[in-house]
PDB file of N, CA and C in Angstrom:
ATOM      1  N   MET A   1      14.392 -12.860   6.041  1.00  0.00           N
ATOM      2  CA  MET A   1      14.447 -12.449   7.427  1.00  0.00           C
ATOM      3  C   MET A   1      13.775 -13.514   8.282  1.00  0.00           C
ATOM      4  N   THR A   2      14.525 -14.098   9.155  1.00  0.00           N
ATOM      5  CA  THR A   2      13.939 -15.056  10.078  1.00  0.00           C
ATOM      6  C   THR A   2      14.332 -14.670  11.490  1.00  0.00           C
ATOM      7  N   SER A   3      13.433 -14.917  12.387  1.00  0.00           N
ATOM      8  CA  SER A   3      13.668 -14.695  13.806  1.00  0.00           C
ATOM      9  C   SER A   3      12.680 -15.561  14.554  1.00  0.00           C
ATOM     10  N   PRO A   4      12.923 -15.783  15.821  1.00  0.00           N
ATOM     11  CA  PRO A   4      11.946 -16.568  16.594  1.00  0.00           C
ATOM     12  C   PRO A   4      10.564 -15.918  16.572  1.00  0.00           C
ATOM     13  N   TYR A   5      10.529 -14.586  16.577  1.00  0.00           N
ATOM     14  CA  TYR A   5       9.244 -13.882  16.533  1.00  0.00           C
ATOM     15  C   TYR A   5       8.529 -14.154  15.222  1.00  0.00           C
ATOM     16  N   LEU A   6       9.243 -14.009  14.125  1.00  0.00           N
ATOM     17  CA  LEU A   6       8.626 -14.213  12.816  1.00  0.00           C
ATOM     18  C   LEU A   6       8.164 -15.660  12.658  1.00  0.00           C
ATOM     19  N   ASP A   7       8.984 -16.590  13.087  1.00  0.00           N
ATOM     20  CA  ASP A   7       8.587 -18.002  12.997  1.00  0.00           C
ATOM     21  C   ASP A   7       7.292 -18.251  13.761  1.00  0.00           C
ATOM     22  N   ALA A   8       7.163 -17.658  14.946  1.00  0.00           N
ATOM     23  CA  ALA A   8       5.949 -17.824  15.746  1.00  0.00           C
ATOM     24  C   ALA A   8       4.754 -17.153  15.081  1.00  0.00           C
ATOM     25  N   ILE A   9       4.969 -15.975  14.531  1.00  0.00           N
ATOM     26  CA  ILE A   9       3.885 -15.241  13.868  1.00  0.00           C
ATOM     27  C   ILE A   9       3.369 -16.023  12.672  1.00  0.00           C
ATOM     28  N   LEU A  10       4.270 -16.588  11.888  1.00  0.00           N
ATOM     29  CA  LEU A  10       3.859 -17.315  10.688  1.00  0.00           C
ATOM     30  C   LEU A  10       3.101 -18.598  11.010  1.00  0.00           C
ATOM     31  N   LYS A  11       3.185 -19.052  12.247  1.00  0.00           N
ATOM     32  CA  LYS A  11       2.435 -20.242  12.663  1.00  0.00           C
ATOM     33  C   LYS A  11       1.020 -19.900  13.140  1.00  0.00           C
ATOM     34  N   LEU A  12       0.759 -18.610  13.333  1.00  0.00           N
ATOM     35  CA  LEU A  12      -0.576 -18.189  13.776  1.00  0.00           C
ATOM     36  C   LEU A  12      -1.607 -18.437  12.680  1.00  0.00           C
ATOM     37  N   PRO A  13      -2.859 -18.648  13.054  1.00  0.00           N
ATOM     38  CA  PRO A  13      -3.922 -18.739  12.039  1.00  0.00           C
ATOM     39  C   PRO A  13      -4.049 -17.405  11.294  1.00  0.00           C
ATOM     40  N   ILE A  14      -4.505 -17.465  10.071  1.00  0.00           N
ATOM     41  CA  ILE A  14      -4.597 -16.268   9.228  1.00  0.00           C
ATOM     42  C   ILE A  14      -5.376 -15.142   9.900  1.00  0.00           C
ATOM     43  N   PRO A  15      -6.535 -15.390  10.509  1.00  0.00           N
ATOM     44  CA  PRO A  15      -7.247 -14.273  11.152  1.00  0.00           C
ATOM     45  C   PRO A  15      -6.405 -13.576  12.233  1.00  0.00           C
ATOM     46  N   ASP A  16      -5.623 -14.355  12.980  1.00  0.00           N
ATOM     47  CA  ASP A  16      -4.763 -13.756  13.997  1.00  0.00           C
ATOM     48  C   ASP A  16      -3.643 -12.938  13.364  1.00  0.00           C
ATOM     49  N   ARG A  17      -3.094 -13.434  12.255  1.00  0.00           N
ATOM     50  CA  ARG A  17      -2.039 -12.674  11.568  1.00  0.00           C
ATOM     51  C   ARG A  17      -2.598 -11.381  10.993  1.00  0.00           C
ATOM     52  N   LEU A  18      -3.825 -11.432  10.480  1.00  0.00           N
ATOM     53  CA  LEU A  18      -4.448 -10.213   9.966  1.00  0.00           C
ATOM     54  C   LEU A  18      -4.674  -9.203  11.083  1.00  0.00           C
ATOM     55  N   ASP A  19      -5.101  -9.685  12.244  1.00  0.00           N
ATOM     56  CA  ASP A  19      -5.258  -8.788  13.395  1.00  0.00           C
ATOM     57  C   ASP A  19      -3.929  -8.150  13.769  1.00  0.00           C
ATOM     58  N   LEU A  20      -2.864  -8.925  13.715  1.00  0.00           N
ATOM     59  CA  LEU A  20      -1.537  -8.409  14.039  1.00  0.00           C
ATOM     60  C   LEU A  20      -1.096  -7.357  13.023  1.00  0.00           C
ATOM     61  N   VAL A  21      -1.331  -7.635  11.758  1.00  0.00           N
ATOM     62  CA  VAL A  21      -0.988  -6.663  10.710  1.00  0.00           C
ATOM     63  C   VAL A  21      -1.745  -5.356  10.943  1.00  0.00           C
ATOM     64  N   GLU A  22      -3.022  -5.480  11.252  1.00  0.00           N
ATOM     65  CA  GLU A  22      -3.831  -4.279  11.493  1.00  0.00           C
ATOM     66  C   GLU A  22      -3.296  -3.492  12.690  1.00  0.00           C
ATOM     67  N   ALA A  23      -2.933  -4.184  13.752  1.00  0.00           N
ATOM     68  CA  ALA A  23      -2.399  -3.510  14.931  1.00  0.00           C
ATOM     69  C   ALA A  23      -1.080  -2.815  14.613  1.00  0.00           C
ATOM     70  N   ILE A  24      -0.229  -3.478  13.848  1.00  0.00           N
ATOM     71  CA  ILE A  24       1.048  -2.864  13.468  1.00  0.00           C
ATOM     72  C   ILE A  24       0.800  -1.647  12.581  1.00  0.00           C
ATOM     73  N   TRP A  25      -0.101  -1.785  11.616  1.00  0.00           N
ATOM     74  CA  TRP A  25      -0.415  -0.665  10.716  1.00  0.00           C
ATOM     75  C   TRP A  25      -0.942   0.520  11.517  1.00  0.00           C
ATOM     76  N   ASP A  26      -1.855   0.258  12.444  1.00  0.00           N
ATOM     77  CA  ASP A  26      -2.406   1.334  13.273  1.00  0.00           C
ATOM     78  C   ASP A  26      -1.316   2.006  14.092  1.00  0.00           C
ATOM     79  N   SER A  27      -0.369   1.218  14.588  1.00  0.00           N
ATOM     80  CA  SER A  27       0.709   1.809  15.373  1.00  0.00           C
ATOM     81  C   SER A  27       1.587   2.714  14.509  1.00  0.00           C
ATOM     82  N   LEU A  28       1.742   2.358  13.247  1.00  0.00           N
ATOM     83  CA  LEU A  28       2.506   3.222  12.333  1.00  0.00           C
ATOM     84  C   LEU A  28       1.756   4.515  12.054  1.00  0.00           C
ATOM     85  N   ALA A  29       0.457   4.402  11.876  1.00  0.00           N
ATOM     86  CA  ALA A  29      -0.357   5.585  11.573  1.00  0.00           C
ATOM     87  C   ALA A  29      -0.321   6.593  12.715  1.00  0.00           C
ATOM     88  N   GLU A  30      -0.110   6.114  13.929  1.00  0.00           N
ATOM     89  CA  GLU A  30      -0.103   6.984  15.108  1.00  0.00           C
ATOM     90  C   GLU A  30       1.296   7.455  15.486  1.00  0.00           C
ATOM     91  N   SER A  31       2.298   7.032  14.747  1.00  0.00           N
ATOM     92  CA  SER A  31       3.689   7.308  15.108  1.00  0.00           C
ATOM     93  C   SER A  31       4.236   8.526  14.359  1.00  0.00           C
ATOM     94  N   PRO A  32       4.705   9.546  15.078  1.00  0.00           N
ATOM     95  CA  PRO A  32       5.318  10.696  14.407  1.00  0.00           C
ATOM     96  C   PRO A  32       6.547  10.309  13.588  1.00  0.00           C
ATOM     97  N   GLU A  33       7.291   9.305  14.060  1.00  0.00           N
ATOM     98  CA  GLU A  33       8.477   8.872  13.313  1.00  0.00           C
ATOM     99  C   GLU A  33       8.087   8.290  11.962  1.00  0.00           C
ATOM    100  N   ALA A  34       7.015   7.511  11.947  1.00  0.00           N
ATOM    101  CA  ALA A  34       6.560   6.921  10.688  1.00  0.00           C
ATOM    102  C   ALA A  34       6.067   7.997   9.744  1.00  0.00           C
ATOM    103  N   GLU A  35       5.368   8.982  10.281  1.00  0.00           N
ATOM    104  CA  GLU A  35       4.870  10.069   9.429  1.00  0.00           C
ATOM    105  C   GLU A  35       6.035  10.776   8.742  1.00  0.00           C
ATOM    106  N   ALA A  36       7.090  11.032   9.479  1.00  0.00           N
ATOM    107  CA  ALA A  36       8.259  11.689   8.894  1.00  0.00           C
ATOM    108  C   ALA A  36       8.944  10.783   7.885  1.00  0.00           C
ATOM    109  N   ALA A  37       8.994   9.487   8.168  1.00  0.00           N
ATOM    110  CA  ALA A  37       9.679   8.549   7.284  1.00  0.00           C
ATOM    111  C   ALA A  37       8.955   8.397   5.947  1.00  0.00           C
ATOM    112  N   PHE A  38       7.627   8.574   5.961  1.00  0.00           N
ATOM    113  CA  PHE A  38       6.848   8.379   4.743  1.00  0.00           C
ATOM    114  C   PHE A  38       6.319   9.673   4.161  1.00  0.00           C
ATOM    115  N   ALA A  39       6.896  10.782   4.552  1.00  0.00           N
ATOM    116  CA  ALA A  39       6.456  12.070   4.019  1.00  0.00           C
ATOM    117  C   ALA A  39       6.738  12.126   2.518  1.00  0.00           C
ATOM    118  N   LEU A  40       5.795  12.701   1.789  1.00  0.00           N
ATOM    119  CA  LEU A  40       5.962  12.833   0.339  1.00  0.00           C
ATOM    120  C   LEU A  40       6.860  14.011   0.007  1.00  0.00           C
ATOM    121  N   THR A  41       7.623  13.864  -1.053  1.00  0.00           N
ATOM    122  CA  THR A  41       8.385  15.004  -1.553  1.00  0.00           C
ATOM    123  C   THR A  41       7.422  15.899  -2.322  1.00  0.00           C
ATOM    124  N   ASP A  42       7.850  17.102  -2.610  1.00  0.00           N
ATOM    125  CA  ASP A  42       7.020  18.011  -3.402  1.00  0.00           C
ATOM    126  C   ASP A  42       6.728  17.406  -4.774  1.00  0.00           C
ATOM    127  N   GLU A  43       7.712  16.720  -5.343  1.00  0.00           N
ATOM    128  CA  GLU A  43       7.531  16.106  -6.652  1.00  0.00           C
ATOM    129  C   GLU A  43       6.497  14.975  -6.586  1.00  0.00           C
ATOM    130  N   GLN A  44       6.562  14.157  -5.550  1.00  0.00           N
ATOM    131  CA  GLN A  44       5.587  13.076  -5.397  1.00  0.00           C
ATOM    132  C   GLN A  44       4.175  13.626  -5.212  1.00  0.00           C
ATOM    133  N   ARG A  45       4.045  14.652  -4.381  1.00  0.00           N
ATOM    134  CA  ARG A  45       2.739  15.274  -4.155  1.00  0.00           C
ATOM    135  C   ARG A  45       2.194  15.863  -5.455  1.00  0.00           C
ATOM    136  N   ALA A  46       3.051  16.516  -6.231  1.00  0.00           N
ATOM    137  CA  ALA A  46       2.623  17.097  -7.507  1.00  0.00           C
ATOM    138  C   ALA A  46       2.172  15.998  -8.471  1.00  0.00           C
ATOM    139  N   GLU A  47       2.887  14.879  -8.501  1.00  0.00           N
ATOM    140  CA  GLU A  47       2.505  13.771  -9.386  1.00  0.00           C
ATOM    141  C   GLU A  47       1.167  13.176  -8.964  1.00  0.00           C
ATOM    142  N   LEU A  48       0.958  12.998  -7.673  1.00  0.00           N
ATOM    143  CA  LEU A  48      -0.329  12.484  -7.202  1.00  0.00           C
ATOM    144  C   LEU A  48      -1.465  13.451  -7.537  1.00  0.00           C
ATOM    145  N   ASP A  49      -1.219  14.739  -7.365  1.00  0.00           N
ATOM    146  CA  ASP A  49      -2.231  15.742  -7.724  1.00  0.00           C
ATOM    147  C   ASP A  49      -2.536  15.700  -9.214  1.00  0.00           C
ATOM    148  N   ARG A  50      -1.493  15.543 -10.035  1.00  0.00           N
ATOM    149  CA  ARG A  50      -1.690  15.471 -11.484  1.00  0.00           C
ATOM    150  C   ARG A  50      -2.522  14.248 -11.855  1.00  0.00           C
ATOM    151  N   ARG A  51      -2.197  13.108 -11.259  1.00  0.00           N
ATOM    152  CA  ARG A  51      -2.932  11.873 -11.563  1.00  0.00           C
ATOM    153  C   ARG A  51      -4.386  11.963 -11.114  1.00  0.00           C
ATOM    154  N   LEU A  52      -4.620  12.564  -9.944  1.00  0.00           N
ATOM    155  CA  LEU A  52      -5.993  12.715  -9.470  1.00  0.00           C
ATOM    156  C   LEU A  52      -6.777  13.626 -10.408  1.00  0.00           C
ATOM    157  N   ALA A  53      -6.179  14.729 -10.820  1.00  0.00           N
ATOM    158  CA  ALA A  53      -6.856  15.643 -11.739  1.00  0.00           C
ATOM    159  C   ALA A  53      -7.158  14.944 -13.058  1.00  0.00           C
ATOM    160  N   GLU A  54      -6.223  14.146 -13.551  1.00  0.00           N
ATOM    161  CA  GLU A  54      -6.434  13.406 -14.791  1.00  0.00           C
ATOM    162  C   GLU A  54      -7.596  12.425 -14.640  1.00  0.00           C
ATOM    163  N   HIS A  55      -7.657  11.748 -13.515  1.00  0.00           N
ATOM    164  CA  HIS A  55      -8.744  10.803 -13.277  1.00  0.00           C
ATOM    165  C   HIS A  55     -10.088  11.529 -13.154  1.00  0.00           C
ATOM    166  N   LEU A  56     -10.112  12.622 -12.422  1.00  0.00           N
ATOM    167  CA  LEU A  56     -11.368  13.355 -12.256  1.00  0.00           C
ATOM    168  C   LEU A  56     -11.865  13.916 -13.584  1.00  0.00           C
ATOM    169  N   ALA A  57     -10.946  14.268 -14.475  1.00  0.00           N
ATOM    170  CA  ALA A  57     -11.323  14.786 -15.783  1.00  0.00           C
ATOM    171  C   ALA A  57     -11.894  13.687 -16.672  1.00  0.00           C
ATOM    172  N   ASP A  58     -11.452  12.433 -16.467  1.00  0.00           N
ATOM    173  CA  ASP A  58     -11.915  11.318 -17.302  1.00  0.00           C
ATOM    174  C   ASP A  58     -11.960  10.028 -16.484  1.00  0.00           C
ATOM    175  N   PRO A  59     -12.942   9.905 -15.575  1.00  0.00           N
ATOM    176  CA  PRO A  59     -12.991   8.723 -14.723  1.00  0.00           C
ATOM    177  C   PRO A  59     -13.208   7.426 -15.491  1.00  0.00           C
ATOM    178  N   GLU A  60     -13.755   7.494 -16.682  1.00  0.00           N
ATOM    179  CA  GLU A  60     -13.987   6.295 -17.489  1.00  0.00           C
ATOM    180  C   GLU A  60     -12.695   5.688 -18.020  1.00  0.00           C
ATOM    181  N   SER A  61     -11.590   6.421 -17.911  1.00  0.00           N
ATOM    182  CA  SER A  61     -10.317   5.895 -18.414  1.00  0.00           C
ATOM    183  C   SER A  61      -9.702   4.877 -17.454  1.00  0.00           C
ATOM    184  N   ALA A  62     -10.232   4.775 -16.241  1.00  0.00           N
ATOM    185  CA  ALA A  62      -9.713   3.813 -15.271  1.00  0.00           C
ATOM    186  C   ALA A  62     -10.008   2.391 -15.743  1.00  0.00           C
ATOM    187  N   ILE A  63      -9.110   1.487 -15.388  1.00  0.00           N
ATOM    188  CA  ILE A  63      -9.318   0.082 -15.736  1.00  0.00           C
ATOM    189  C   ILE A  63      -9.319  -0.742 -14.456  1.00  0.00           C
ATOM    190  N   PRO A  64     -10.023  -1.869 -14.442  1.00  0.00           N
ATOM    191  CA  PRO A  64     -10.032  -2.720 -13.250  1.00  0.00           C
ATOM    192  C   PRO A  64      -8.643  -3.291 -12.965  1.00  0.00           C
ATOM    193  N   TRP A  65      -8.399  -3.623 -11.688  1.00  0.00           N
ATOM    194  CA  TRP A  65      -7.116  -4.166 -11.280  1.00  0.00           C
ATOM    195  C   TRP A  65      -6.762  -5.420 -12.069  1.00  0.00           C
ATOM    196  N   ALA A  66      -7.726  -6.292 -12.321  1.00  0.00           N
ATOM    197  CA  ALA A  66      -7.438  -7.522 -13.054  1.00  0.00           C
ATOM    198  C   ALA A  66      -6.885  -7.204 -14.445  1.00  0.00           C
ATOM    199  N   GLU A  67      -7.418  -6.179 -15.080  1.00  0.00           N
ATOM    200  CA  GLU A  67      -6.929  -5.769 -16.403  1.00  0.00           C
ATOM    201  C   GLU A  67      -5.526  -5.173 -16.303  1.00  0.00           C
ATOM    202  N   ALA A  68      -5.302  -4.352 -15.304  1.00  0.00           N
ATOM    203  CA  ALA A  68      -3.966  -3.756 -15.112  1.00  0.00           C
ATOM    204  C   ALA A  68      -2.940  -4.859 -14.881  1.00  0.00           C
ATOM    205  N   ARG A  69      -3.285  -5.813 -14.031  1.00  0.00           N
ATOM    206  CA  ARG A  69      -2.373  -6.931 -13.738  1.00  0.00           C
ATOM    207  C   ARG A  69      -2.093  -7.740 -15.015  1.00  0.00           C
ATOM    208  N   ARG A  70      -3.135  -7.981 -15.822  1.00  0.00           N
ATOM    209  CA  ARG A  70      -2.942  -8.723 -17.078  1.00  0.00           C
ATOM    210  C   ARG A  70      -1.987  -7.971 -17.987  1.00  0.00           C
ATOM    211  N   ARG A  71      -2.167  -6.663 -18.090  1.00  0.00           N
ATOM    212  CA  ARG A  71      -1.283  -5.867 -18.957  1.00  0.00           C
ATOM    213  C   ARG A  71       0.151  -5.895 -18.469  1.00  0.00           C
ATOM    214  N   ILE A  72       0.324  -5.795 -17.155  1.00  0.00           N
ATOM    215  CA  ILE A  72       1.674  -5.828 -16.603  1.00  0.00           C
ATOM    216  C   ILE A  72       2.333  -7.177 -16.858  1.00  0.00           C
ATOM    217  N   ALA A  73       1.607  -8.231 -16.594  1.00  0.00           N
ATOM    218  CA  ALA A  73       2.148  -9.585 -16.767  1.00  0.00           C
ATOM    219  C   ALA A  73       2.426  -9.902 -18.226  1.00  0.00           C
ATOM    220  N   GLY A  74       1.535  -9.421 -19.107  1.00  0.00           N
ATOM    221  CA  GLY A  74       1.675  -9.719 -20.524  1.00  0.00           C
ATOM    222  C   GLY A  74       2.493  -8.713 -21.286  1.00  0.00           C
ATOM    223  N   GLY A  75       2.808  -7.621 -20.631  1.00  0.00           N
ATOM    224  CA  GLY A  75       3.594  -6.580 -21.290  1.00  0.00           C
ATOM    225  C   GLY A  75       2.809  -5.778 -22.310  1.00  0.00           C
ATOM    226  N   ALA A  76       1.469  -5.892 -22.295  1.00  0.00           N
ATOM    227  CA  ALA A  76       0.662  -5.119 -23.250  1.00  0.00           C
ATOM    228  C   ALA A  76      -0.415  -4.358 -22.554  1.00  0.00           C
TER     229      ALA A  76
END
């Protein structure tokens, strides 16, 4: 995806781009349309509840992100 807007944004310094991302994210959080677009299905909500309960029952089973990424990349 290229556009004059995107080309200009990508030329901004990183701190300015981060500020822009934050502003866009905040605008989504305040938008009723976005809330409807990202609403969870009953199945998704049930899966998240199941995973949270599993974690709360055994918080020591969590692994650091670096380990998860290694497993994904290495297939093990």
